[in-house]
Amino acid sequence: MNKFDRDLGILLTRLNKDADKETEKKLKILKDKLIRLNEENVVKINHSVMELVCAKHLVLKGYEVDIERPIDGLICDLYGVKGLGSHVVEVETGFIPPSHALDPANYRKSRIASKIIRYGNYSDKFALGVPPYYLLQIPAILVKPPRDRTMEDLKYLKTLCDLYYRNPPVSLDEIRNARIHTIYIIDVDGVVVREVDPATYLEKRSLFTSTT
């Protein structure tokens, strides 16, 4: 057994400590899928453990959950269905590639904006999942209701996204309609997830950073 399999096995034991048999079964299916994807060099451990912890949270809320799910040419980290509603969650670890060592804040802000815009149009509810030690660089414009976004707002976000993510470029319509509904704080150490409203998150974030 390699380290990836071992770590997921240890995590699953912790997640199953207070889980019922049905939840255990669903989490094992997701764990086995992550192991297969790791063998194909598709997923890494830091990201995968956060996905699995968040998956349990969604399962307990009544969602049928899939991991690394294709949707219209994209691959979403978690895809949940409950009744007629769909829920997409993208997990962000805060990784900065070496090529962006000199512009980390702009890179992360562009990445997060692009995630919200691209994925926020493909489900009834969209969320970002982050560890407790990482402050998301969410553009405040994307927390506004779509009706309150000006053309200047839309052009600013398009310019921001196009700096780093132009394959394919986001459209003004995608920017206008994209929404983020919640943020999941994924605590792997404590195997718990806390939900935070995006507007509240931005308000608290402002205590630590001046980025808008």
C-alpha atoms as a PDB file:
ATOM      1  CA  MET A   1       0.000   0.000   0.000  1.00  0.00           C
ATOM      2  CA  ASN A   2       1.445   3.389  -0.993  1.00  0.00           C
ATOM      3  CA  LYS A   3       1.262   6.558   1.114  1.00  0.00           C
ATOM      4  CA  PHE A   4      -1.728   7.994  -0.766  1.00  0.00           C
ATOM      5  CA  ASP A   5      -3.806   4.842  -0.131  1.00  0.00           C
ATOM      6  CA  ARG A   6      -2.631   4.715   3.481  1.00  0.00           C
ATOM      7  CA  ASP A   7      -3.492   8.354   4.192  1.00  0.00           C
ATOM      8  CA  LEU A   8      -6.965   8.013   2.687  1.00  0.00           C
ATOM      9  CA  GLY A   9      -7.515   4.842   4.697  1.00  0.00           C
ATOM     10  CA  ILE A  10      -6.582   6.618   7.933  1.00  0.00           C
ATOM     11  CA  LEU A  11      -8.838   9.546   7.048  1.00  0.00           C
ATOM     12  CA  LEU A  12     -11.731   7.246   6.202  1.00  0.00           C
ATOM     13  CA  THR A  13     -11.423   5.567   9.621  1.00  0.00           C
ATOM     14  CA  ARG A  14     -11.700   8.986  11.252  1.00  0.00           C
ATOM     15  CA  LEU A  15     -14.661   9.976   9.081  1.00  0.00           C
ATOM     16  CA  ASN A  16     -16.468   6.717   9.825  1.00  0.00           C
ATOM     17  CA  LYS A  17     -16.140   7.075  13.595  1.00  0.00           C
ATOM     18  CA  ASP A  18     -19.653   8.530  13.944  1.00  0.00           C
ATOM     19  CA  ALA A  19     -21.073   7.551  10.537  1.00  0.00           C
ATOM     20  CA  ASP A  20     -23.905   5.144   9.791  1.00  0.00           C
ATOM     21  CA  LYS A  21     -23.435   2.165   7.459  1.00  0.00           C
ATOM     22  CA  GLU A  22     -24.919   3.925   4.426  1.00  0.00           C
ATOM     23  CA  THR A  23     -22.595   6.901   4.824  1.00  0.00           C
ATOM     24  CA  GLU A  24     -19.619   4.549   5.279  1.00  0.00           C
ATOM     25  CA  LYS A  25     -20.535   2.775   2.036  1.00  0.00           C
ATOM     26  CA  LYS A  26     -20.782   6.035   0.078  1.00  0.00           C
ATOM     27  CA  LEU A  27     -17.479   7.341   1.422  1.00  0.00           C
ATOM     28  CA  LYS A  28     -15.690   4.095   0.567  1.00  0.00           C
ATOM     29  CA  ILE A  29     -16.873   4.358  -3.039  1.00  0.00           C
ATOM     30  CA  LEU A  30     -15.487   7.902  -3.232  1.00  0.00           C
ATOM     31  CA  LYS A  31     -12.215   6.873  -1.555  1.00  0.00           C
ATOM     32  CA  ASP A  32     -11.751   4.026  -4.045  1.00  0.00           C
ATOM     33  CA  LYS A  33     -12.367   6.426  -6.934  1.00  0.00           C
ATOM     34  CA  LEU A  34      -9.721   8.818  -5.619  1.00  0.00           C
ATOM     35  CA  ILE A  35      -7.232   5.940  -5.343  1.00  0.00           C
ATOM     36  CA  ARG A  36      -7.870   4.979  -8.974  1.00  0.00           C
ATOM     37  CA  LEU A  37      -7.428   8.595 -10.071  1.00  0.00           C
ATOM     38  CA  ASN A  38      -4.205   8.873  -8.107  1.00  0.00           C
ATOM     39  CA  GLU A  39      -2.884   5.781  -9.889  1.00  0.00           C
ATOM     40  CA  GLU A  40      -3.592   7.677 -13.135  1.00  0.00           C
ATOM     41  CA  ASN A  41      -1.731  10.705 -11.703  1.00  0.00           C
ATOM     42  CA  VAL A  42      -4.885  12.825 -11.805  1.00  0.00           C
ATOM     43  CA  VAL A  43      -5.243  13.768  -8.101  1.00  0.00           C
ATOM     44  CA  LYS A  44      -2.893  14.578  -5.214  1.00  0.00           C
ATOM     45  CA  ILE A  45      -3.273  13.853  -1.511  1.00  0.00           C
ATOM     46  CA  ASN A  46      -3.723  17.393  -0.070  1.00  0.00           C
ATOM     47  CA  HIS A  47      -6.617  18.079  -2.409  1.00  0.00           C
ATOM     48  CA  SER A  48      -8.121  14.589  -2.103  1.00  0.00           C
ATOM     49  CA  VAL A  49      -8.368  14.564   1.699  1.00  0.00           C
ATOM     50  CA  MET A  50     -10.249  17.873   1.597  1.00  0.00           C
ATOM     51  CA  GLU A  51     -12.629  16.463  -1.011  1.00  0.00           C
ATOM     52  CA  LEU A  52     -13.372  13.412   1.123  1.00  0.00           C
ATOM     53  CA  VAL A  53     -14.022  15.440   4.290  1.00  0.00           C
ATOM     54  CA  CYS A  54     -16.335  17.767   2.356  1.00  0.00           C
ATOM     55  CA  ALA A  55     -18.046  14.791   0.702  1.00  0.00           C
ATOM     56  CA  LYS A  56     -19.106  13.452   4.103  1.00  0.00           C
ATOM     57  CA  HIS A  57     -20.556  16.858   4.991  1.00  0.00           C
ATOM     58  CA  LEU A  58     -22.642  16.835   1.799  1.00  0.00           C
ATOM     59  CA  VAL A  59     -23.741  13.218   2.239  1.00  0.00           C
ATOM     60  CA  LEU A  60     -25.007  14.039   5.732  1.00  0.00           C
ATOM     61  CA  LYS A  61     -26.961  16.944   4.253  1.00  0.00           C
ATOM     62  CA  GLY A  62     -28.780  14.516   1.949  1.00  0.00           C
ATOM     63  CA  TYR A  63     -26.774  14.867  -1.268  1.00  0.00           C
ATOM     64  CA  GLU A  64     -25.796  12.054  -3.587  1.00  0.00           C
ATOM     65  CA  VAL A  65     -22.140  12.921  -4.129  1.00  0.00           C
ATOM     66  CA  ASP A  66     -19.618  12.262  -6.873  1.00  0.00           C
ATOM     67  CA  ILE A  67     -15.970  13.323  -6.952  1.00  0.00           C
ATOM     68  CA  GLU A  68     -13.987  14.619  -9.975  1.00  0.00           C
ATOM     69  CA  ARG A  69     -17.172  14.733 -12.060  1.00  0.00           C
ATOM     70  CA  PRO A  70     -17.135  15.900 -15.720  1.00  0.00           C
ATOM     71  CA  ILE A  71     -19.629  18.665 -16.516  1.00  0.00           C
ATOM     72  CA  ASP A  72     -19.731  20.182 -19.996  1.00  0.00           C
ATOM     73  CA  GLY A  73     -15.981  19.983 -20.611  1.00  0.00           C
ATOM     74  CA  LEU A  74     -15.001  20.878 -17.040  1.00  0.00           C
ATOM     75  CA  ILE A  75     -14.086  18.579 -14.149  1.00  0.00           C
ATOM     76  CA  CYS A  76     -15.649  19.630 -10.854  1.00  0.00           C
ATOM     77  CA  ASP A  77     -14.199  18.493  -7.544  1.00  0.00           C
ATOM     78  CA  LEU A  78     -17.514  17.560  -5.919  1.00  0.00           C
ATOM     79  CA  TYR A  79     -20.914  17.258  -7.569  1.00  0.00           C
ATOM     80  CA  GLY A  80     -23.969  16.765  -5.403  1.00  0.00           C
ATOM     81  CA  VAL A  81     -27.607  16.155  -6.258  1.00  0.00           C
ATOM     82  CA  LYS A  82     -30.508  16.479  -3.833  1.00  0.00           C
ATOM     83  CA  GLY A  83     -34.009  16.244  -5.243  1.00  0.00           C
ATOM     84  CA  LEU A  84     -34.023  18.353  -8.391  1.00  0.00           C
ATOM     85  CA  GLY A  85     -31.153  20.586  -7.248  1.00  0.00           C
ATOM     86  CA  SER A  86     -27.454  20.324  -8.076  1.00  0.00           C
ATOM     87  CA  HIS A  87     -24.487  21.524  -6.065  1.00  0.00           C
ATOM     88  CA  VAL A  88     -20.904  22.014  -7.266  1.00  0.00           C
ATOM     89  CA  VAL A  89     -17.989  22.486  -4.868  1.00  0.00           C
ATOM     90  CA  GLU A  90     -14.498  23.444  -5.966  1.00  0.00           C
ATOM     91  CA  VAL A  91     -11.728  22.820  -3.425  1.00  0.00           C
ATOM     92  CA  GLU A  92      -8.848  25.289  -3.206  1.00  0.00           C
ATOM     93  CA  THR A  93      -5.677  24.551  -1.235  1.00  0.00           C
ATOM     94  CA  GLY A  94      -4.049  27.939  -1.891  1.00  0.00           C
ATOM     95  CA  PHE A  95      -1.171  26.504  -3.945  1.00  0.00           C
ATOM     96  CA  ILE A  96       0.917  29.068  -5.853  1.00  0.00           C
ATOM     97  CA  PRO A  97       2.930  27.700  -8.788  1.00  0.00           C
ATOM     98  CA  PRO A  98       6.559  28.895  -8.930  1.00  0.00           C
ATOM     99  CA  SER A  99       5.811  30.773 -12.153  1.00  0.00           C
ATOM    100  CA  HIS A 100       3.622  33.176 -10.121  1.00  0.00           C
ATOM    101  CA  ALA A 101       5.914  33.727  -7.142  1.00  0.00           C
ATOM    102  CA  LEU A 102       6.022  37.481  -7.905  1.00  0.00           C
ATOM    103  CA  ASP A 103       2.262  37.988  -8.383  1.00  0.00           C
ATOM    104  CA  PRO A 104       0.611  35.535  -5.971  1.00  0.00           C
ATOM    105  CA  ALA A 105      -2.336  37.704  -4.884  1.00  0.00           C
ATOM    106  CA  ASN A 106      -3.353  38.631  -8.439  1.00  0.00           C
ATOM    107  CA  TYR A 107      -2.912  35.039  -9.566  1.00  0.00           C
ATOM    108  CA  ARG A 108      -5.100  33.692  -6.766  1.00  0.00           C
ATOM    109  CA  LYS A 109      -7.748  36.376  -7.268  1.00  0.00           C
ATOM    110  CA  SER A 110      -7.887  35.610 -10.987  1.00  0.00           C
ATOM    111  CA  ARG A 111      -8.060  31.872 -10.317  1.00  0.00           C
ATOM    112  CA  ILE A 112     -10.876  32.206  -7.789  1.00  0.00           C
ATOM    113  CA  ALA A 113     -12.841  34.587 -10.020  1.00  0.00           C
ATOM    114  CA  SER A 114     -12.447  32.187 -12.932  1.00  0.00           C
ATOM    115  CA  LYS A 115     -13.610  29.240 -10.785  1.00  0.00           C
ATOM    116  CA  ILE A 116     -16.745  31.062  -9.619  1.00  0.00           C
ATOM    117  CA  ILE A 117     -17.572  32.271 -13.127  1.00  0.00           C
ATOM    118  CA  ARG A 118     -16.941  28.982 -14.931  1.00  0.00           C
ATOM    119  CA  TYR A 119     -18.499  26.634 -12.385  1.00  0.00           C
ATOM    120  CA  GLY A 120     -21.102  28.976 -10.909  1.00  0.00           C
ATOM    121  CA  ASN A 121     -23.168  28.713 -14.090  1.00  0.00           C
ATOM    122  CA  TYR A 122     -23.381  24.896 -14.043  1.00  0.00           C
ATOM    123  CA  SER A 123     -25.330  24.194 -10.855  1.00  0.00           C
ATOM    124  CA  ASP A 124     -28.147  25.527  -8.705  1.00  0.00           C
ATOM    125  CA  LYS A 125     -25.706  26.085  -5.867  1.00  0.00           C
ATOM    126  CA  PHE A 126     -21.959  26.737  -6.050  1.00  0.00           C
ATOM    127  CA  ALA A 127     -19.428  26.701  -3.219  1.00  0.00           C
ATOM    128  CA  LEU A 128     -15.707  26.964  -2.668  1.00  0.00           C
ATOM    129  CA  GLY A 129     -14.004  24.716  -0.121  1.00  0.00           C
ATOM    130  CA  VAL A 130     -10.852  25.941   1.614  1.00  0.00           C
ATOM    131  CA  PRO A 131      -8.657  24.955   4.572  1.00  0.00           C
ATOM    132  CA  PRO A 132      -8.870  27.131   7.720  1.00  0.00           C
ATOM    133  CA  TYR A 133      -5.392  28.560   7.136  1.00  0.00           C
ATOM    134  CA  TYR A 134      -6.028  30.001   3.651  1.00  0.00           C
ATOM    135  CA  LEU A 135      -7.752  33.344   2.953  1.00  0.00           C
ATOM    136  CA  LEU A 136      -9.670  33.275  -0.330  1.00  0.00           C
ATOM    137  CA  GLN A 137      -9.136  36.178  -2.707  1.00  0.00           C
ATOM    138  CA  ILE A 138     -12.772  36.539  -3.797  1.00  0.00           C
ATOM    139  CA  PRO A 139     -13.536  39.663  -5.855  1.00  0.00           C
ATOM    140  CA  ALA A 140     -16.311  41.470  -3.970  1.00  0.00           C
ATOM    141  CA  ILE A 141     -18.184  41.966  -7.257  1.00  0.00           C
ATOM    142  CA  LEU A 142     -18.991  38.258  -7.398  1.00  0.00           C
ATOM    143  CA  VAL A 143     -20.712  38.397  -4.015  1.00  0.00           C
ATOM    144  CA  LYS A 144     -23.101  41.063  -5.315  1.00  0.00           C
ATOM    145  CA  PRO A 145     -26.419  39.877  -6.794  1.00  0.00           C
ATOM    146  CA  PRO A 146     -26.117  39.707 -10.619  1.00  0.00           C
ATOM    147  CA  ARG A 147     -28.611  42.575 -11.008  1.00  0.00           C
ATOM    148  CA  ASP A 148     -26.255  44.882  -9.086  1.00  0.00           C
ATOM    149  CA  ARG A 149     -23.212  44.286 -11.311  1.00  0.00           C
ATOM    150  CA  THR A 150     -22.372  47.130 -13.656  1.00  0.00           C
ATOM    151  CA  MET A 151     -20.806  46.827 -17.086  1.00  0.00           C
ATOM    152  CA  GLU A 152     -17.647  48.271 -15.542  1.00  0.00           C
ATOM    153  CA  ASP A 153     -17.706  45.411 -13.008  1.00  0.00           C
ATOM    154  CA  LEU A 154     -18.098  42.821 -15.769  1.00  0.00           C
ATOM    155  CA  LYS A 155     -15.251  44.259 -17.840  1.00  0.00           C
ATOM    156  CA  TYR A 156     -12.965  44.387 -14.801  1.00  0.00           C
ATOM    157  CA  LEU A 157     -13.581  40.716 -14.048  1.00  0.00           C
ATOM    158  CA  LYS A 158     -13.101  39.714 -17.660  1.00  0.00           C
ATOM    159  CA  THR A 159      -9.759  41.515 -17.769  1.00  0.00           C
ATOM    160  CA  LEU A 160      -8.752  39.877 -14.479  1.00  0.00           C
ATOM    161  CA  CYS A 161      -9.642  36.365 -15.682  1.00  0.00           C
ATOM    162  CA  ASP A 162      -8.080  36.859 -19.106  1.00  0.00           C
ATOM    163  CA  LEU A 163      -4.730  37.655 -17.473  1.00  0.00           C
ATOM    164  CA  TYR A 164      -4.254  33.973 -16.579  1.00  0.00           C
ATOM    165  CA  TYR A 165      -7.222  31.929 -17.852  1.00  0.00           C
ATOM    166  CA  ARG A 166      -8.062  32.341 -21.516  1.00  0.00           C
ATOM    167  CA  ASN A 167      -8.599  28.739 -22.596  1.00  0.00           C
ATOM    168  CA  PRO A 168     -11.449  29.345 -23.213  1.00  0.00           C
ATOM    169  CA  PRO A 169     -12.033  32.968 -22.181  1.00  0.00           C
ATOM    170  CA  VAL A 170     -15.005  33.702 -19.939  1.00  0.00           C
ATOM    171  CA  SER A 171     -17.887  35.647 -21.486  1.00  0.00           C
ATOM    172  CA  LEU A 172     -19.634  38.723 -20.117  1.00  0.00           C
ATOM    173  CA  ASP A 173     -22.857  36.708 -19.790  1.00  0.00           C
ATOM    174  CA  GLU A 174     -21.069  34.081 -17.678  1.00  0.00           C
ATOM    175  CA  ILE A 175     -19.658  36.819 -15.460  1.00  0.00           C
ATOM    176  CA  ARG A 176     -23.045  38.511 -15.121  1.00  0.00           C
ATOM    177  CA  ASN A 177     -24.866  35.346 -14.019  1.00  0.00           C
ATOM    178  CA  ALA A 178     -22.242  33.543 -11.891  1.00  0.00           C
ATOM    179  CA  ARG A 179     -22.903  33.257  -8.160  1.00  0.00           C
ATOM    180  CA  ILE A 180     -21.157  31.799  -5.134  1.00  0.00           C
ATOM    181  CA  HIS A 181     -23.639  30.692  -2.500  1.00  0.00           C
ATOM    182  CA  THR A 182     -21.447  29.465   0.336  1.00  0.00           C
ATOM    183  CA  ILE A 183     -17.886  28.789   1.464  1.00  0.00           C
ATOM    184  CA  TYR A 184     -16.933  25.559   3.193  1.00  0.00           C
ATOM    185  CA  ILE A 185     -14.092  25.770   5.701  1.00  0.00           C
ATOM    186  CA  ILE A 186     -12.683  22.242   5.544  1.00  0.00           C
ATOM    187  CA  ASP A 187     -10.792  21.285   8.696  1.00  0.00           C
ATOM    188  CA  VAL A 188      -8.996  18.032   7.865  1.00  0.00           C
ATOM    189  CA  ASP A 189      -7.377  17.804  11.310  1.00  0.00           C
ATOM    190  CA  GLY A 190     -10.755  17.860  13.035  1.00  0.00           C
ATOM    191  CA  VAL A 191     -12.618  16.189  10.103  1.00  0.00           C
ATOM    192  CA  VAL A 192     -15.298  18.875  10.252  1.00  0.00           C
ATOM    193  CA  VAL A 193     -16.718  21.398   7.788  1.00  0.00           C
ATOM    194  CA  ARG A 194     -18.084  24.842   8.645  1.00  0.00           C
ATOM    195  CA  GLU A 195     -20.288  26.823   6.263  1.00  0.00           C
ATOM    196  CA  VAL A 196     -19.771  30.575   5.898  1.00  0.00           C
ATOM    197  CA  ASP A 197     -21.829  33.059   3.912  1.00  0.00           C
ATOM    198  CA  PRO A 198     -19.608  34.724   1.249  1.00  0.00           C
ATOM    199  CA  ALA A 199     -20.534  38.266   2.352  1.00  0.00           C
ATOM    200  CA  THR A 200     -19.626  37.413   5.961  1.00  0.00           C
ATOM    201  CA  TYR A 201     -16.380  35.814   4.763  1.00  0.00           C
ATOM    202  CA  LEU A 202     -15.392  38.971   2.875  1.00  0.00           C
ATOM    203  CA  GLU A 203     -16.173  41.117   5.890  1.00  0.00           C
ATOM    204  CA  LYS A 204     -13.985  38.992   8.167  1.00  0.00           C
ATOM    205  CA  ARG A 205     -11.247  38.703   5.544  1.00  0.00           C
ATOM    206  CA  SER A 206     -10.924  42.467   5.425  1.00  0.00           C
ATOM    207  CA  LEU A 207      -9.471  42.313   8.947  1.00  0.00           C
ATOM    208  CA  PHE A 208      -6.431  40.523   7.542  1.00  0.00           C
ATOM    209  CA  THR A 209      -6.002  41.825   3.990  1.00  0.00           C
ATOM    210  CA  SER A 210      -6.708  44.923   1.978  1.00  0.00           C
ATOM    211  CA  THR A 211      -7.268  42.960  -1.263  1.00  0.00           C
ATOM    212  CA  THR A 212     -10.733  43.593  -2.780  1.00  0.00           C
END
